[in-house]
Amino acid sequence: MLIGIELEDKIRDYIVKSTFEDVKNITNETLIFEEGVLDSMGLLFLIEFLNEEFNVTTNDDELVVENFKSINNIVAFLKAKL
């Protein structure tokens, strides 16, 4: 199983590659939707990435801001699912 730092790195790499955002602008606390890094379509692609990369299925009731608002939140969500 991946540890937190590896999860953070994989998620950050995905966000940077999919948005062409400067890696220096994406911290673990960056509010990726509030700051416009990802939009609703970006969320769908992020969920698909999590499914493919970590074999994690996101249920409808888990599609809440708290699970996806930052890299830290996404990592916590993944750890709970794994």
PDB file of N, CA and C in Angstrom:
ATOM      1  N   MET A   1       0.832  -1.191   0.000  1.00  0.00           N
ATOM      2  CA  MET A   1       0.000   0.000   0.000  1.00  0.00           C
ATOM      3  C   MET A   1       0.873   1.250   0.000  1.00  0.00           C
ATOM      4  N   LEU A   2       0.423   2.246  -0.724  1.00  0.00           N
ATOM      5  CA  LEU A   2       1.177   3.491  -0.793  1.00  0.00           C
ATOM      6  C   LEU A   2       1.038   4.270   0.498  1.00  0.00           C
ATOM      7  N   ILE A   3       2.106   4.963   0.851  1.00  0.00           N
ATOM      8  CA  ILE A   3       2.031   5.829   2.023  1.00  0.00           C
ATOM      9  C   ILE A   3       1.554   7.209   1.591  1.00  0.00           C
ATOM     10  N   GLY A   4       1.220   8.038   2.538  1.00  0.00           N
ATOM     11  CA  GLY A   4       0.652   9.350   2.258  1.00  0.00           C
ATOM     12  C   GLY A   4       1.435  10.186   1.276  1.00  0.00           C
ATOM     13  N   ILE A   5       2.758  10.231   1.425  1.00  0.00           N
ATOM     14  CA  ILE A   5       3.582  11.066   0.552  1.00  0.00           C
ATOM     15  C   ILE A   5       3.495  10.583  -0.890  1.00  0.00           C
ATOM     16  N   GLU A   6       3.500   9.277  -1.102  1.00  0.00           N
ATOM     17  CA  GLU A   6       3.384   8.750  -2.464  1.00  0.00           C
ATOM     18  C   GLU A   6       2.011   9.058  -3.045  1.00  0.00           C
ATOM     19  N   LEU A   7       0.969   8.968  -2.231  1.00  0.00           N
ATOM     20  CA  LEU A   7      -0.370   9.324  -2.691  1.00  0.00           C
ATOM     21  C   LEU A   7      -0.419  10.799  -3.080  1.00  0.00           C
ATOM     22  N   GLU A   8       0.118  11.649  -2.211  1.00  0.00           N
ATOM     23  CA  GLU A   8       0.150  13.086  -2.490  1.00  0.00           C
ATOM     24  C   GLU A   8       0.855  13.365  -3.809  1.00  0.00           C
ATOM     25  N   ASP A   9       2.012  12.747  -4.009  1.00  0.00           N
ATOM     26  CA  ASP A   9       2.789  12.976  -5.226  1.00  0.00           C
ATOM     27  C   ASP A   9       2.032  12.529  -6.464  1.00  0.00           C
ATOM     28  N   LYS A  10       1.406  11.362  -6.415  1.00  0.00           N
ATOM     29  CA  LYS A  10       0.652  10.857  -7.575  1.00  0.00           C
ATOM     30  C   LYS A  10      -0.524  11.779  -7.908  1.00  0.00           C
ATOM     31  N   ILE A  11      -1.219  12.242  -6.888  1.00  0.00           N
ATOM     32  CA  ILE A  11      -2.364  13.124  -7.112  1.00  0.00           C
ATOM     33  C   ILE A  11      -1.896  14.474  -7.635  1.00  0.00           C
ATOM     34  N   ARG A  12      -0.845  15.033  -7.044  1.00  0.00           N
ATOM     35  CA  ARG A  12      -0.307  16.316  -7.514  1.00  0.00           C
ATOM     36  C   ARG A  12       0.164  16.192  -8.960  1.00  0.00           C
ATOM     37  N   ASP A  13       0.874  15.119  -9.282  1.00  0.00           N
ATOM     38  CA  ASP A  13       1.341  14.914 -10.655  1.00  0.00           C
ATOM     39  C   ASP A  13       0.163  14.860 -11.617  1.00  0.00           C
ATOM     40  N   TYR A  14      -0.893  14.157 -11.232  1.00  0.00           N
ATOM     41  CA  TYR A  14      -2.080  14.072 -12.089  1.00  0.00           C
ATOM     42  C   TYR A  14      -2.677  15.464 -12.310  1.00  0.00           C
ATOM     43  N   ILE A  15      -2.844  16.230 -11.238  1.00  0.00           N
ATOM     44  CA  ILE A  15      -3.457  17.561 -11.357  1.00  0.00           C
ATOM     45  C   ILE A  15      -2.602  18.464 -12.223  1.00  0.00           C
ATOM     46  N   VAL A  16      -1.294  18.453 -12.012  1.00  0.00           N
ATOM     47  CA  VAL A  16      -0.397  19.303 -12.796  1.00  0.00           C
ATOM     48  C   VAL A  16      -0.441  18.917 -14.273  1.00  0.00           C
ATOM     49  N   LYS A  17      -0.378  17.615 -14.560  1.00  0.00           N
ATOM     50  CA  LYS A  17      -0.382  17.170 -15.954  1.00  0.00           C
ATOM     51  C   LYS A  17      -1.719  17.443 -16.630  1.00  0.00           C
ATOM     52  N   SER A  18      -2.817  17.305 -15.915  1.00  0.00           N
ATOM     53  CA  SER A  18      -4.131  17.466 -16.540  1.00  0.00           C
ATOM     54  C   SER A  18      -4.545  18.927 -16.666  1.00  0.00           C
ATOM     55  N   THR A  19      -3.925  19.826 -15.904  1.00  0.00           N
ATOM     56  CA  THR A  19      -4.316  21.238 -15.943  1.00  0.00           C
ATOM     57  C   THR A  19      -3.222  22.150 -16.485  1.00  0.00           C
ATOM     58  N   PHE A  20      -2.024  21.637 -16.651  1.00  0.00           N
ATOM     59  CA  PHE A  20      -0.861  22.417 -17.079  1.00  0.00           C
ATOM     60  C   PHE A  20      -0.533  23.522 -16.073  1.00  0.00           C
ATOM     61  N   GLU A  21      -0.998  23.345 -14.839  1.00  0.00           N
ATOM     62  CA  GLU A  21      -0.726  24.288 -13.758  1.00  0.00           C
ATOM     63  C   GLU A  21       0.737  24.132 -13.350  1.00  0.00           C
ATOM     64  N   ASP A  22       1.362  25.216 -12.913  1.00  0.00           N
ATOM     65  CA  ASP A  22       2.735  25.158 -12.418  1.00  0.00           C
ATOM     66  C   ASP A  22       2.744  24.382 -11.104  1.00  0.00           C
ATOM     67  N   VAL A  23       3.607  23.386 -11.011  1.00  0.00           N
ATOM     68  CA  VAL A  23       3.667  22.533  -9.821  1.00  0.00           C
ATOM     69  C   VAL A  23       3.887  23.358  -8.561  1.00  0.00           C
ATOM     70  N   LYS A  24       4.557  24.503  -8.675  1.00  0.00           N
ATOM     71  CA  LYS A  24       4.793  25.358  -7.507  1.00  0.00           C
ATOM     72  C   LYS A  24       3.495  25.972  -6.988  1.00  0.00           C
ATOM     73  N   ASN A  25       2.458  26.031  -7.827  1.00  0.00           N
ATOM     74  CA  ASN A  25       1.173  26.613  -7.420  1.00  0.00           C
ATOM     75  C   ASN A  25       0.267  25.606  -6.722  1.00  0.00           C
ATOM     76  N   ILE A  26       0.632  24.327  -6.739  1.00  0.00           N
ATOM     77  CA  ILE A  26      -0.227  23.285  -6.177  1.00  0.00           C
ATOM     78  C   ILE A  26       0.421  22.718  -4.916  1.00  0.00           C
ATOM     79  N   THR A  27      -0.100  23.124  -3.775  1.00  0.00           N
ATOM     80  CA  THR A  27       0.359  22.558  -2.501  1.00  0.00           C
ATOM     81  C   THR A  27      -0.694  21.555  -2.025  1.00  0.00           C
ATOM     82  N   ASN A  28      -0.399  20.878  -0.948  1.00  0.00           N
ATOM     83  CA  ASN A  28      -1.365  19.925  -0.396  1.00  0.00           C
ATOM     84  C   ASN A  28      -2.613  20.615   0.130  1.00  0.00           C
ATOM     85  N   GLU A  29      -2.524  21.924   0.402  1.00  0.00           N
ATOM     86  CA  GLU A  29      -3.653  22.669   0.945  1.00  0.00           C
ATOM     87  C   GLU A  29      -4.386  23.496  -0.116  1.00  0.00           C
ATOM     88  N   THR A  30      -3.858  23.562  -1.346  1.00  0.00           N
ATOM     89  CA  THR A  30      -4.503  24.349  -2.394  1.00  0.00           C
ATOM     90  C   THR A  30      -5.953  23.909  -2.561  1.00  0.00           C
ATOM     91  N   LEU A  31      -6.863  24.854  -2.528  1.00  0.00           N
ATOM     92  CA  LEU A  31      -8.287  24.559  -2.717  1.00  0.00           C
ATOM     93  C   LEU A  31      -8.525  24.473  -4.229  1.00  0.00           C
ATOM     94  N   ILE A  32      -8.401  23.252  -4.752  1.00  0.00           N
ATOM     95  CA  ILE A  32      -8.296  23.064  -6.198  1.00  0.00           C
ATOM     96  C   ILE A  32      -9.555  23.453  -6.977  1.00  0.00           C
ATOM     97  N   PHE A  33     -10.702  23.448  -6.351  1.00  0.00           N
ATOM     98  CA  PHE A  33     -11.917  23.874  -7.044  1.00  0.00           C
ATOM     99  C   PHE A  33     -12.191  25.352  -6.799  1.00  0.00           C
ATOM    100  N   GLU A  34     -12.022  25.794  -5.559  1.00  0.00           N
ATOM    101  CA  GLU A  34     -12.236  27.210  -5.227  1.00  0.00           C
ATOM    102  C   GLU A  34     -11.285  28.107  -6.013  1.00  0.00           C
ATOM    103  N   GLU A  35     -10.073  27.629  -6.236  1.00  0.00           N
ATOM    104  CA  GLU A  35      -9.073  28.432  -6.950  1.00  0.00           C
ATOM    105  C   GLU A  35      -9.110  28.207  -8.458  1.00  0.00           C
ATOM    106  N   GLY A  36     -10.056  27.404  -8.919  1.00  0.00           N
ATOM    107  CA  GLY A  36     -10.236  27.226 -10.353  1.00  0.00           C
ATOM    108  C   GLY A  36      -9.242  26.307 -11.028  1.00  0.00           C
ATOM    109  N   VAL A  37      -8.508  25.514 -10.251  1.00  0.00           N
ATOM    110  CA  VAL A  37      -7.554  24.575 -10.844  1.00  0.00           C
ATOM    111  C   VAL A  37      -8.322  23.478 -11.588  1.00  0.00           C
ATOM    112  N   LEU A  38      -9.364  22.944 -10.942  1.00  0.00           N
ATOM    113  CA  LEU A  38     -10.242  21.959 -11.570  1.00  0.00           C
ATOM    114  C   LEU A  38     -11.679  22.470 -11.522  1.00  0.00           C
ATOM    115  N   ASP A  39     -12.477  22.056 -12.509  1.00  0.00           N
ATOM    116  CA  ASP A  39     -13.907  22.370 -12.519  1.00  0.00           C
ATOM    117  C   ASP A  39     -14.686  21.059 -12.394  1.00  0.00           C
ATOM    118  N   SER A  40     -15.980  21.100 -12.643  1.00  0.00           N
ATOM    119  CA  SER A  40     -16.796  19.894 -12.471  1.00  0.00           C
ATOM    120  C   SER A  40     -16.369  18.773 -13.415  1.00  0.00           C
ATOM    121  N   MET A  41     -15.980  19.109 -14.636  1.00  0.00           N
ATOM    122  CA  MET A  41     -15.467  18.080 -15.555  1.00  0.00           C
ATOM    123  C   MET A  41     -14.144  17.537 -15.031  1.00  0.00           C
ATOM    124  N   GLY A  42     -13.336  18.415 -14.486  1.00  0.00           N
ATOM    125  CA  GLY A  42     -12.071  17.996 -13.897  1.00  0.00           C
ATOM    126  C   GLY A  42     -12.287  17.019 -12.755  1.00  0.00           C
ATOM    127  N   LEU A  43     -13.370  17.227 -11.991  1.00  0.00           N
ATOM    128  CA  LEU A  43     -13.693  16.303 -10.901  1.00  0.00           C
ATOM    129  C   LEU A  43     -14.014  14.920 -11.456  1.00  0.00           C
ATOM    130  N   LEU A  44     -14.775  14.873 -12.524  1.00  0.00           N
ATOM    131  CA  LEU A  44     -15.103  13.582 -13.138  1.00  0.00           C
ATOM    132  C   LEU A  44     -13.840  12.853 -13.600  1.00  0.00           C
ATOM    133  N   PHE A  45     -12.931  13.586 -14.219  1.00  0.00           N
ATOM    134  CA  PHE A  45     -11.677  12.982 -14.669  1.00  0.00           C
ATOM    135  C   PHE A  45     -10.811  12.559 -13.477  1.00  0.00           C
ATOM    136  N   LEU A  46     -10.821  13.356 -12.411  1.00  0.00           N
ATOM    137  CA  LEU A  46     -10.080  13.007 -11.199  1.00  0.00           C
ATOM    138  C   LEU A  46     -10.627  11.715 -10.602  1.00  0.00           C
ATOM    139  N   ILE A  47     -11.937  11.585 -10.542  1.00  0.00           N
ATOM    140  CA  ILE A  47     -12.554  10.369 -10.004  1.00  0.00           C
ATOM    141  C   ILE A  47     -12.183   9.161 -10.860  1.00  0.00           C
ATOM    142  N   GLU A  48     -12.166   9.340 -12.168  1.00  0.00           N
ATOM    143  CA  GLU A  48     -11.766   8.252 -13.066  1.00  0.00           C
ATOM    144  C   GLU A  48     -10.291   7.876 -12.832  1.00  0.00           C
ATOM    145  N   PHE A  49      -9.442   8.883 -12.647  1.00  0.00           N
ATOM    146  CA  PHE A  49      -8.031   8.643 -12.345  1.00  0.00           C
ATOM    147  C   PHE A  49      -7.884   7.842 -11.051  1.00  0.00           C
ATOM    148  N   LEU A  50      -8.618   8.229 -10.005  1.00  0.00           N
ATOM    149  CA  LEU A  50      -8.545   7.514  -8.722  1.00  0.00           C
ATOM    150  C   LEU A  50      -8.989   6.068  -8.887  1.00  0.00           C
ATOM    151  N   ASN A  51      -9.985   5.859  -9.726  1.00  0.00           N
ATOM    152  CA  ASN A  51     -10.475   4.512  -9.984  1.00  0.00           C
ATOM    153  C   ASN A  51      -9.405   3.686 -10.698  1.00  0.00           C
ATOM    154  N   GLU A  52      -8.816   4.254 -11.741  1.00  0.00           N
ATOM    155  CA  GLU A  52      -7.816   3.524 -12.529  1.00  0.00           C
ATOM    156  C   GLU A  52      -6.514   3.319 -11.754  1.00  0.00           C
ATOM    157  N   GLU A  53      -6.076   4.351 -11.064  1.00  0.00           N
ATOM    158  CA  GLU A  53      -4.770   4.313 -10.400  1.00  0.00           C
ATOM    159  C   GLU A  53      -4.804   3.524  -9.090  1.00  0.00           C
ATOM    160  N   PHE A  54      -5.895   3.645  -8.323  1.00  0.00           N
ATOM    161  CA  PHE A  54      -5.945   3.062  -6.991  1.00  0.00           C
ATOM    162  C   PHE A  54      -7.072   2.043  -6.832  1.00  0.00           C
ATOM    163  N   ASN A  55      -7.812   1.793  -7.900  1.00  0.00           N
ATOM    164  CA  ASN A  55      -8.935   0.854  -7.873  1.00  0.00           C
ATOM    165  C   ASN A  55      -9.963   1.238  -6.801  1.00  0.00           C
ATOM    166  N   VAL A  56     -10.250   2.539  -6.738  1.00  0.00           N
ATOM    167  CA  VAL A  56     -11.185   3.089  -5.759  1.00  0.00           C
ATOM    168  C   VAL A  56     -12.435   3.554  -6.489  1.00  0.00           C
ATOM    169  N   THR A  57     -13.578   3.042  -6.071  1.00  0.00           N
ATOM    170  CA  THR A  57     -14.852   3.457  -6.631  1.00  0.00           C
ATOM    171  C   THR A  57     -15.456   4.519  -5.717  1.00  0.00           C
ATOM    172  N   THR A  58     -15.865   5.633  -6.321  1.00  0.00           N
ATOM    173  CA  THR A  58     -16.479   6.715  -5.563  1.00  0.00           C
ATOM    174  C   THR A  58     -17.986   6.606  -5.687  1.00  0.00           C
ATOM    175  N   ASN A  59     -18.655   6.484  -4.556  1.00  0.00           N
ATOM    176  CA  ASN A  59     -20.113   6.404  -4.539  1.00  0.00           C
ATOM    177  C   ASN A  59     -20.725   7.803  -4.599  1.00  0.00           C
ATOM    178  N   ASP A  60     -21.967   7.886  -5.050  1.00  0.00           N
ATOM    179  CA  ASP A  60     -22.640   9.180  -5.174  1.00  0.00           C
ATOM    180  C   ASP A  60     -22.630   9.967  -3.867  1.00  0.00           C
ATOM    181  N   ASP A  61     -22.835   9.276  -2.740  1.00  0.00           N
ATOM    182  CA  ASP A  61     -22.879   9.977  -1.460  1.00  0.00           C
ATOM    183  C   ASP A  61     -21.503  10.475  -1.005  1.00  0.00           C
ATOM    184  N   GLU A  62     -20.445  10.060  -1.704  1.00  0.00           N
ATOM    185  CA  GLU A  62     -19.088  10.516  -1.380  1.00  0.00           C
ATOM    186  C   GLU A  62     -18.670  11.713  -2.228  1.00  0.00           C
ATOM    187  N   LEU A  63     -19.516  12.115  -3.161  1.00  0.00           N
ATOM    188  CA  LEU A  63     -19.217  13.253  -4.025  1.00  0.00           C
ATOM    189  C   LEU A  63     -19.542  14.557  -3.304  1.00  0.00           C
ATOM    190  N   VAL A  64     -18.786  14.815  -2.254  1.00  0.00           N
ATOM    191  CA  VAL A  64     -18.956  16.024  -1.460  1.00  0.00           C
ATOM    192  C   VAL A  64     -17.648  16.805  -1.468  1.00  0.00           C
ATOM    193  N   VAL A  65     -17.773  18.105  -1.320  1.00  0.00           N
ATOM    194  CA  VAL A  65     -16.612  18.994  -1.386  1.00  0.00           C
ATOM    195  C   VAL A  65     -15.512  18.564  -0.426  1.00  0.00           C
ATOM    196  N   GLU A  66     -15.886  18.137   0.763  1.00  0.00           N
ATOM    197  CA  GLU A  66     -14.886  17.798   1.782  1.00  0.00           C
ATOM    198  C   GLU A  66     -13.926  16.702   1.309  1.00  0.00           C
ATOM    199  N   ASN A  67     -14.370  15.802   0.445  1.00  0.00           N
ATOM    200  CA  ASN A  67     -13.504  14.714  -0.012  1.00  0.00           C
ATOM    201  C   ASN A  67     -12.519  15.132  -1.093  1.00  0.00           C
ATOM    202  N   PHE A  68     -12.785  16.248  -1.787  1.00  0.00           N
ATOM    203  CA  PHE A  68     -11.995  16.569  -2.973  1.00  0.00           C
ATOM    204  C   PHE A  68     -11.465  17.994  -3.023  1.00  0.00           C
ATOM    205  N   LYS A  69     -11.593  18.765  -1.937  1.00  0.00           N
ATOM    206  CA  LYS A  69     -11.241  20.177  -2.046  1.00  0.00           C
ATOM    207  C   LYS A  69      -9.744  20.456  -2.085  1.00  0.00           C
ATOM    208  N   SER A  70      -8.926  19.525  -1.616  1.00  0.00           N
ATOM    209  CA  SER A  70      -7.468  19.712  -1.657  1.00  0.00           C
ATOM    210  C   SER A  70      -6.803  18.338  -1.760  1.00  0.00           C
ATOM    211  N   ILE A  71      -5.523  18.347  -2.021  1.00  0.00           N
ATOM    212  CA  ILE A  71      -4.777  17.089  -2.083  1.00  0.00           C
ATOM    213  C   ILE A  71      -4.865  16.378  -0.731  1.00  0.00           C
ATOM    214  N   ASN A  72      -4.744  17.129   0.363  1.00  0.00           N
ATOM    215  CA  ASN A  72      -4.849  16.506   1.692  1.00  0.00           C
ATOM    216  C   ASN A  72      -6.191  15.796   1.862  1.00  0.00           C
ATOM    217  N   ASN A  73      -7.267  16.434   1.411  1.00  0.00           N
ATOM    218  CA  ASN A  73      -8.591  15.828   1.544  1.00  0.00           C
ATOM    219  C   ASN A  73      -8.725  14.591   0.661  1.00  0.00           C
ATOM    220  N   ILE A  74      -8.170  14.645  -0.533  1.00  0.00           N
ATOM    221  CA  ILE A  74      -8.236  13.502  -1.444  1.00  0.00           C
ATOM    222  C   ILE A  74      -7.457  12.326  -0.850  1.00  0.00           C
ATOM    223  N   VAL A  75      -6.286  12.596  -0.270  1.00  0.00           N
ATOM    224  CA  VAL A  75      -5.484  11.546   0.357  1.00  0.00           C
ATOM    225  C   VAL A  75      -6.254  10.925   1.525  1.00  0.00           C
ATOM    226  N   ALA A  76      -6.889  11.752   2.348  1.00  0.00           N
ATOM    227  CA  ALA A  76      -7.671  11.228   3.476  1.00  0.00           C
ATOM    228  C   ALA A  76      -8.816  10.370   2.965  1.00  0.00           C
ATOM    229  N   PHE A  77      -9.460  10.812   1.896  1.00  0.00           N
ATOM    230  CA  PHE A  77     -10.553  10.049   1.287  1.00  0.00           C
ATOM    231  C   PHE A  77     -10.035   8.695   0.793  1.00  0.00           C
ATOM    232  N   LEU A  78      -8.902   8.713   0.092  1.00  0.00           N
ATOM    233  CA  LEU A  78      -8.314   7.465  -0.423  1.00  0.00           C
ATOM    234  C   LEU A  78      -7.929   6.521   0.710  1.00  0.00           C
ATOM    235  N   LYS A  79      -7.301   7.056   1.743  1.00  0.00           N
ATOM    236  CA  LYS A  79      -6.897   6.196   2.864  1.00  0.00           C
ATOM    237  C   LYS A  79      -8.103   5.531   3.501  1.00  0.00           C
ATOM    238  N   ALA A  80      -9.199   6.258   3.610  1.00  0.00           N
ATOM    239  CA  ALA A  80     -10.415   5.696   4.186  1.00  0.00           C
ATOM    240  C   ALA A  80     -10.977   4.590   3.284  1.00  0.00           C
ATOM    241  N   LYS A  81     -10.827   4.754   1.967  1.00  0.00           N
ATOM    242  CA  LYS A  81     -11.349   3.777   1.005  1.00  0.00           C
ATOM    243  C   LYS A  81     -10.439   2.546   0.886  1.00  0.00           C
ATOM    244  N   LEU A  82      -9.134   2.758   1.053  1.00  0.00           N
ATOM    245  CA  LEU A  82      -8.187   1.658   0.930  1.00  0.00           C
ATOM    246  C   LEU A  82      -8.130   0.946   2.233  1.00  0.00           C
TER     247      LEU A  82
END
